[in-house]
Amino acid sequence: MTLSAQQSCPICGEANGCAIANNAEASSCWCMEVNIPEELIEQANQRGDMKRCICQACAESVNSLAKEL
């Protein structure tokens, strides 16, 4: 299955699982229940010409690294 730009993570390119990109309610999205660091959002927004959602794996990876520091 080919992902649209809105359905792919700007960091890793994998499916981001975005509820809005999949025509669902934002409140049902996985991102409503995790912390996504502002730095990661800024990095994602600098890649490409549109804002896209980060995938859960990238968000969890950054959060895991932050806990180790």
PDB file of N, CA and C in Angstrom:
ATOM      1  N   MET A   1       0.838  -1.187   0.000  1.00  0.00           N
ATOM      2  CA  MET A   1       0.000   0.000   0.000  1.00  0.00           C
ATOM      3  C   MET A   1       0.880   1.246   0.000  1.00  0.00           C
ATOM      4  N   THR A   2       0.589   2.180  -0.863  1.00  0.00           N
ATOM      5  CA  THR A   2       1.333   3.422  -0.935  1.00  0.00           C
ATOM      6  C   THR A   2       0.729   4.426   0.032  1.00  0.00           C
ATOM      7  N   LEU A   3       1.604   5.059   0.816  1.00  0.00           N
ATOM      8  CA  LEU A   3       1.159   6.062   1.784  1.00  0.00           C
ATOM      9  C   LEU A   3       1.126   7.437   1.143  1.00  0.00           C
ATOM     10  N   SER A   4       0.138   8.232   1.519  1.00  0.00           N
ATOM     11  CA  SER A   4       0.140   9.632   1.102  1.00  0.00           C
ATOM     12  C   SER A   4       1.156  10.367   1.956  1.00  0.00           C
ATOM     13  N   ALA A   5       1.537  11.556   1.563  1.00  0.00           N
ATOM     14  CA  ALA A   5       2.495  12.345   2.344  1.00  0.00           C
ATOM     15  C   ALA A   5       1.987  12.555   3.766  1.00  0.00           C
ATOM     16  N   GLN A   6       0.693  12.792   3.941  1.00  0.00           N
ATOM     17  CA  GLN A   6       0.131  13.032   5.264  1.00  0.00           C
ATOM     18  C   GLN A   6       0.147  11.782   6.134  1.00  0.00           C
ATOM     19  N   GLN A   7       0.249  10.608   5.528  1.00  0.00           N
ATOM     20  CA  GLN A   7       0.222   9.355   6.282  1.00  0.00           C
ATOM     21  C   GLN A   7       1.622   8.846   6.633  1.00  0.00           C
ATOM     22  N   SER A   8       2.656   9.532   6.164  1.00  0.00           N
ATOM     23  CA  SER A   8       4.016   9.065   6.432  1.00  0.00           C
ATOM     24  C   SER A   8       4.749  10.003   7.388  1.00  0.00           C
ATOM     25  N   CYS A   9       5.555   9.409   8.226  1.00  0.00           N
ATOM     26  CA  CYS A   9       6.340  10.148   9.211  1.00  0.00           C
ATOM     27  C   CYS A   9       7.456  10.921   8.491  1.00  0.00           C
ATOM     28  N   PRO A  10       7.614  12.206   8.779  1.00  0.00           N
ATOM     29  CA  PRO A  10       8.672  12.976   8.122  1.00  0.00           C
ATOM     30  C   PRO A  10      10.066  12.615   8.631  1.00  0.00           C
ATOM     31  N   ILE A  11      10.156  11.889   9.725  1.00  0.00           N
ATOM     32  CA  ILE A  11      11.451  11.500  10.274  1.00  0.00           C
ATOM     33  C   ILE A  11      11.938  10.189   9.649  1.00  0.00           C
ATOM     34  N   CYS A  12      11.095   9.152   9.685  1.00  0.00           N
ATOM     35  CA  CYS A  12      11.536   7.826   9.210  1.00  0.00           C
ATOM     36  C   CYS A  12      10.860   7.381   7.910  1.00  0.00           C
ATOM     37  N   GLY A  13       9.768   8.018   7.527  1.00  0.00           N
ATOM     38  CA  GLY A  13       9.077   7.660   6.289  1.00  0.00           C
ATOM     39  C   GLY A  13       8.047   6.552   6.423  1.00  0.00           C
ATOM     40  N   GLU A  14       7.960   5.950   7.606  1.00  0.00           N
ATOM     41  CA  GLU A  14       6.980   4.883   7.832  1.00  0.00           C
ATOM     42  C   GLU A  14       5.592   5.480   8.093  1.00  0.00           C
ATOM     43  N   ALA A  15       4.581   4.630   8.145  1.00  0.00           N
ATOM     44  CA  ALA A  15       3.214   5.076   8.433  1.00  0.00           C
ATOM     45  C   ALA A  15       3.177   5.748   9.802  1.00  0.00           C
ATOM     46  N   ASN A  16       2.521   6.909   9.882  1.00  0.00           N
ATOM     47  CA  ASN A  16       2.493   7.643  11.152  1.00  0.00           C
ATOM     48  C   ASN A  16       1.265   7.325  12.003  1.00  0.00           C
ATOM     49  N   GLY A  17       0.303   6.625  11.446  1.00  0.00           N
ATOM     50  CA  GLY A  17      -0.891   6.269  12.213  1.00  0.00           C
ATOM     51  C   GLY A  17      -1.753   7.461  12.583  1.00  0.00           C
ATOM     52  N   CYS A  18      -1.652   8.540  11.836  1.00  0.00           N
ATOM     53  CA  CYS A  18      -2.408   9.759  12.127  1.00  0.00           C
ATOM     54  C   CYS A  18      -3.904   9.548  11.898  1.00  0.00           C
ATOM     55  N   ALA A  19      -4.679   9.797  12.920  1.00  0.00           N
ATOM     56  CA  ALA A  19      -6.123   9.634  12.807  1.00  0.00           C
ATOM     57  C   ALA A  19      -6.713  10.602  11.789  1.00  0.00           C
ATOM     58  N   ILE A  20      -6.258  11.834  11.811  1.00  0.00           N
ATOM     59  CA  ILE A  20      -6.808  12.850  10.899  1.00  0.00           C
ATOM     60  C   ILE A  20      -6.491  12.495   9.445  1.00  0.00           C
ATOM     61  N   ALA A  21      -5.252  12.050   9.176  1.00  0.00           N
ATOM     62  CA  ALA A  21      -4.872  11.661   7.814  1.00  0.00           C
ATOM     63  C   ALA A  21      -5.665  10.451   7.331  1.00  0.00           C
ATOM     64  N   ASN A  22      -6.189   9.684   8.283  1.00  0.00           N
ATOM     65  CA  ASN A  22      -6.999   8.513   7.948  1.00  0.00           C
ATOM     66  C   ASN A  22      -8.496   8.774   8.113  1.00  0.00           C
ATOM     67  N   ASN A  23      -8.860  10.050   8.096  1.00  0.00           N
ATOM     68  CA  ASN A  23     -10.260  10.484   8.156  1.00  0.00           C
ATOM     69  C   ASN A  23     -10.991  10.048   9.422  1.00  0.00           C
ATOM     70  N   ALA A  24     -10.294  10.061  10.536  1.00  0.00           N
ATOM     71  CA  ALA A  24     -10.906   9.740  11.825  1.00  0.00           C
ATOM     72  C   ALA A  24     -10.826  10.974  12.731  1.00  0.00           C
ATOM     73  N   GLU A  25     -11.485  10.909  13.858  1.00  0.00           N
ATOM     74  CA  GLU A  25     -11.469  12.010  14.817  1.00  0.00           C
ATOM     75  C   GLU A  25     -10.080  12.160  15.435  1.00  0.00           C
ATOM     76  N   ALA A  26      -9.630  13.389  15.581  1.00  0.00           N
ATOM     77  CA  ALA A  26      -8.320  13.654  16.184  1.00  0.00           C
ATOM     78  C   ALA A  26      -8.235  13.062  17.585  1.00  0.00           C
ATOM     79  N   SER A  27      -9.326  13.070  18.301  1.00  0.00           N
ATOM     80  CA  SER A  27      -9.326  12.560  19.673  1.00  0.00           C
ATOM     81  C   SER A  27      -9.023  11.064  19.749  1.00  0.00           C
ATOM     82  N   SER A  28      -9.143  10.356  18.616  1.00  0.00           N
ATOM     83  CA  SER A  28      -8.858   8.924  18.609  1.00  0.00           C
ATOM     84  C   SER A  28      -7.407   8.615  18.255  1.00  0.00           C
ATOM     85  N   CYS A  29      -6.603   9.633  18.023  1.00  0.00           N
ATOM     86  CA  CYS A  29      -5.221   9.429  17.588  1.00  0.00           C
ATOM     87  C   CYS A  29      -4.311   9.051  18.756  1.00  0.00           C
ATOM     88  N   TRP A  30      -3.345   8.200  18.477  1.00  0.00           N
ATOM     89  CA  TRP A  30      -2.383   7.756  19.484  1.00  0.00           C
ATOM     90  C   TRP A  30      -1.629   8.929  20.095  1.00  0.00           C
ATOM     91  N   CYS A  31      -1.432   9.998  19.319  1.00  0.00           N
ATOM     92  CA  CYS A  31      -0.616  11.121  19.785  1.00  0.00           C
ATOM     93  C   CYS A  31      -1.267  11.921  20.907  1.00  0.00           C
ATOM     94  N   MET A  32      -2.540  11.703  21.122  1.00  0.00           N
ATOM     95  CA  MET A  32      -3.228  12.420  22.196  1.00  0.00           C
ATOM     96  C   MET A  32      -2.865  11.877  23.573  1.00  0.00           C
ATOM     97  N   GLU A  33      -2.160  10.742  23.593  1.00  0.00           N
ATOM     98  CA  GLU A  33      -1.850  10.098  24.872  1.00  0.00           C
ATOM     99  C   GLU A  33      -0.360  10.024  25.180  1.00  0.00           C
ATOM    100  N   VAL A  34       0.486  10.638  24.346  1.00  0.00           N
ATOM    101  CA  VAL A  34       1.932  10.621  24.588  1.00  0.00           C
ATOM    102  C   VAL A  34       2.498  12.029  24.488  1.00  0.00           C
ATOM    103  N   ASN A  35       3.664  12.198  25.082  1.00  0.00           N
ATOM    104  CA  ASN A  35       4.370  13.469  24.979  1.00  0.00           C
ATOM    105  C   ASN A  35       5.245  13.438  23.732  1.00  0.00           C
ATOM    106  N   ILE A  36       5.113  14.441  22.893  1.00  0.00           N
ATOM    107  CA  ILE A  36       5.987  14.568  21.729  1.00  0.00           C
ATOM    108  C   ILE A  36       6.801  15.840  21.941  1.00  0.00           C
ATOM    109  N   PRO A  37       8.111  15.694  22.137  1.00  0.00           N
ATOM    110  CA  PRO A  37       8.960  16.849  22.414  1.00  0.00           C
ATOM    111  C   PRO A  37       8.870  17.913  21.316  1.00  0.00           C
ATOM    112  N   GLU A  38       8.834  19.161  21.731  1.00  0.00           N
ATOM    113  CA  GLU A  38       8.743  20.287  20.790  1.00  0.00           C
ATOM    114  C   GLU A  38       9.896  20.262  19.779  1.00  0.00           C
ATOM    115  N   GLU A  39      11.075  19.839  20.220  1.00  0.00           N
ATOM    116  CA  GLU A  39      12.230  19.783  19.321  1.00  0.00           C
ATOM    117  C   GLU A  39      11.995  18.805  18.172  1.00  0.00           C
ATOM    118  N   LEU A  40      11.334  17.700  18.459  1.00  0.00           N
ATOM    119  CA  LEU A  40      11.036  16.709  17.421  1.00  0.00           C
ATOM    120  C   LEU A  40       9.997  17.259  16.450  1.00  0.00           C
ATOM    121  N   ILE A  41       9.028  17.962  16.963  1.00  0.00           N
ATOM    122  CA  ILE A  41       8.014  18.589  16.102  1.00  0.00           C
ATOM    123  C   ILE A  41       8.665  19.617  15.186  1.00  0.00           C
ATOM    124  N   GLU A  42       9.558  20.427  15.743  1.00  0.00           N
ATOM    125  CA  GLU A  42      10.255  21.431  14.933  1.00  0.00           C
ATOM    126  C   GLU A  42      11.103  20.773  13.856  1.00  0.00           C
ATOM    127  N   GLN A  43      11.793  19.686  14.201  1.00  0.00           N
ATOM    128  CA  GLN A  43      12.608  18.965  13.224  1.00  0.00           C
ATOM    129  C   GLN A  43      11.730  18.412  12.106  1.00  0.00           C
ATOM    130  N   ALA A  44      10.600  17.855  12.467  1.00  0.00           N
ATOM    131  CA  ALA A  44       9.683  17.301  11.467  1.00  0.00           C
ATOM    132  C   ALA A  44       9.145  18.394  10.549  1.00  0.00           C
ATOM    133  N   ASN A  45       8.829  19.544  11.116  1.00  0.00           N
ATOM    134  CA  ASN A  45       8.283  20.640  10.322  1.00  0.00           C
ATOM    135  C   ASN A  45       9.303  21.230   9.359  1.00  0.00           C
ATOM    136  N   GLN A  46      10.580  21.028   9.624  1.00  0.00           N
ATOM    137  CA  GLN A  46      11.626  21.543   8.741  1.00  0.00           C
ATOM    138  C   GLN A  46      11.860  20.622   7.543  1.00  0.00           C
ATOM    139  N   ARG A  47      11.304  19.435   7.586  1.00  0.00           N
ATOM    140  CA  ARG A  47      11.476  18.460   6.496  1.00  0.00           C
ATOM    141  C   ARG A  47      10.271  18.512   5.575  1.00  0.00           C
ATOM    142  N   GLY A  48      10.461  19.026   4.407  1.00  0.00           N
ATOM    143  CA  GLY A  48       9.364  19.058   3.442  1.00  0.00           C
ATOM    144  C   GLY A  48       8.599  20.366   3.492  1.00  0.00           C
ATOM    145  N   ASP A  49       7.583  20.432   2.669  1.00  0.00           N
ATOM    146  CA  ASP A  49       6.843  21.679   2.511  1.00  0.00           C
ATOM    147  C   ASP A  49       5.525  21.698   3.263  1.00  0.00           C
ATOM    148  N   MET A  50       5.231  20.656   4.033  1.00  0.00           N
ATOM    149  CA  MET A  50       3.979  20.643   4.789  1.00  0.00           C
ATOM    150  C   MET A  50       4.204  20.015   6.153  1.00  0.00           C
ATOM    151  N   LYS A  51       3.317  20.329   7.047  1.00  0.00           N
ATOM    152  CA  LYS A  51       3.396  19.717   8.366  1.00  0.00           C
ATOM    153  C   LYS A  51       2.804  18.323   8.291  1.00  0.00           C
ATOM    154  N   ARG A  52       3.555  17.357   8.834  1.00  0.00           N
ATOM    155  CA  ARG A  52       3.097  15.973   8.856  1.00  0.00           C
ATOM    156  C   ARG A  52       3.293  15.421  10.251  1.00  0.00           C
ATOM    157  N   CYS A  53       2.539  14.430  10.580  1.00  0.00           N
ATOM    158  CA  CYS A  53       2.618  13.823  11.905  1.00  0.00           C
ATOM    159  C   CYS A  53       3.795  12.872  12.008  1.00  0.00           C
ATOM    160  N   ILE A  54       4.391  12.867  13.171  1.00  0.00           N
ATOM    161  CA  ILE A  54       5.475  11.961  13.511  1.00  0.00           C
ATOM    162  C   ILE A  54       4.852  10.621  13.897  1.00  0.00           C
ATOM    163  N   CYS A  55       5.534   9.526  13.599  1.00  0.00           N
ATOM    164  CA  CYS A  55       4.990   8.224  13.979  1.00  0.00           C
ATOM    165  C   CYS A  55       5.244   7.936  15.459  1.00  0.00           C
ATOM    166  N   GLN A  56       4.506   6.988  15.976  1.00  0.00           N
ATOM    167  CA  GLN A  56       4.605   6.636  17.390  1.00  0.00           C
ATOM    168  C   GLN A  56       5.999   6.090  17.722  1.00  0.00           C
ATOM    169  N   ALA A  57       6.582   5.329  16.824  1.00  0.00           N
ATOM    170  CA  ALA A  57       7.911   4.753  17.077  1.00  0.00           C
ATOM    171  C   ALA A  57       8.962   5.845  17.236  1.00  0.00           C
ATOM    172  N   CYS A  58       8.935   6.878  16.395  1.00  0.00           N
ATOM    173  CA  CYS A  58       9.903   7.975  16.509  1.00  0.00           C
ATOM    174  C   CYS A  58       9.672   8.759  17.799  1.00  0.00           C
ATOM    175  N   ALA A  59       8.427   9.021  18.129  1.00  0.00           N
ATOM    176  CA  ALA A  59       8.120   9.755  19.366  1.00  0.00           C
ATOM    177  C   ALA A  59       8.587   8.966  20.584  1.00  0.00           C
ATOM    178  N   GLU A  60       8.322   7.665  20.596  1.00  0.00           N
ATOM    179  CA  GLU A  60       8.725   6.833  21.731  1.00  0.00           C
ATOM    180  C   GLU A  60      10.240   6.711  21.815  1.00  0.00           C
ATOM    181  N   SER A  61      10.911   6.647  20.683  1.00  0.00           N
ATOM    182  CA  SER A  61      12.363   6.562  20.661  1.00  0.00           C
ATOM    183  C   SER A  61      12.991   7.804  21.292  1.00  0.00           C
ATOM    184  N   VAL A  62      12.506   8.971  20.924  1.00  0.00           N
ATOM    185  CA  VAL A  62      13.029  10.218  21.491  1.00  0.00           C
ATOM    186  C   VAL A  62      12.722  10.296  22.973  1.00  0.00           C
ATOM    187  N   ASN A  63      11.528   9.914  23.368  1.00  0.00           N
ATOM    188  CA  ASN A  63      11.165   9.939  24.787  1.00  0.00           C
ATOM    189  C   ASN A  63      12.030   8.971  25.585  1.00  0.00           C
ATOM    190  N   SER A  64      12.347   7.826  25.020  1.00  0.00           N
ATOM    191  CA  SER A  64      13.190   6.844  25.682  1.00  0.00           C
ATOM    192  C   SER A  64      14.602   7.384  25.869  1.00  0.00           C
ATOM    193  N   LEU A  65      15.144   8.016  24.837  1.00  0.00           N
ATOM    194  CA  LEU A  65      16.472   8.615  24.926  1.00  0.00           C
ATOM    195  C   LEU A  65      16.509   9.718  25.981  1.00  0.00           C
ATOM    196  N   ALA A  66      15.463  10.522  26.051  1.00  0.00           N
ATOM    197  CA  ALA A  66      15.399  11.610  27.026  1.00  0.00           C
ATOM    198  C   ALA A  66      15.409  11.071  28.456  1.00  0.00           C
ATOM    199  N   LYS A  67      14.777   9.938  28.678  1.00  0.00           N
ATOM    200  CA  LYS A  67      14.737   9.346  30.008  1.00  0.00           C
ATOM    201  C   LYS A  67      16.115   8.854  30.439  1.00  0.00           C
ATOM    202  N   GLU A  68      16.942   8.447  29.465  1.00  0.00           N
ATOM    203  CA  GLU A  68      18.267   7.938  29.770  1.00  0.00           C
ATOM    204  C   GLU A  68      19.230   9.046  30.167  1.00  0.00           C
ATOM    205  N   LEU A  69      18.940  10.281  29.782  1.00  0.00           N
ATOM    206  CA  LEU A  69      19.844  11.397  30.073  1.00  0.00           C
ATOM    207  C   LEU A  69      19.725  11.870  31.468  1.00  0.00           C
TER     208      LEU A  69
END
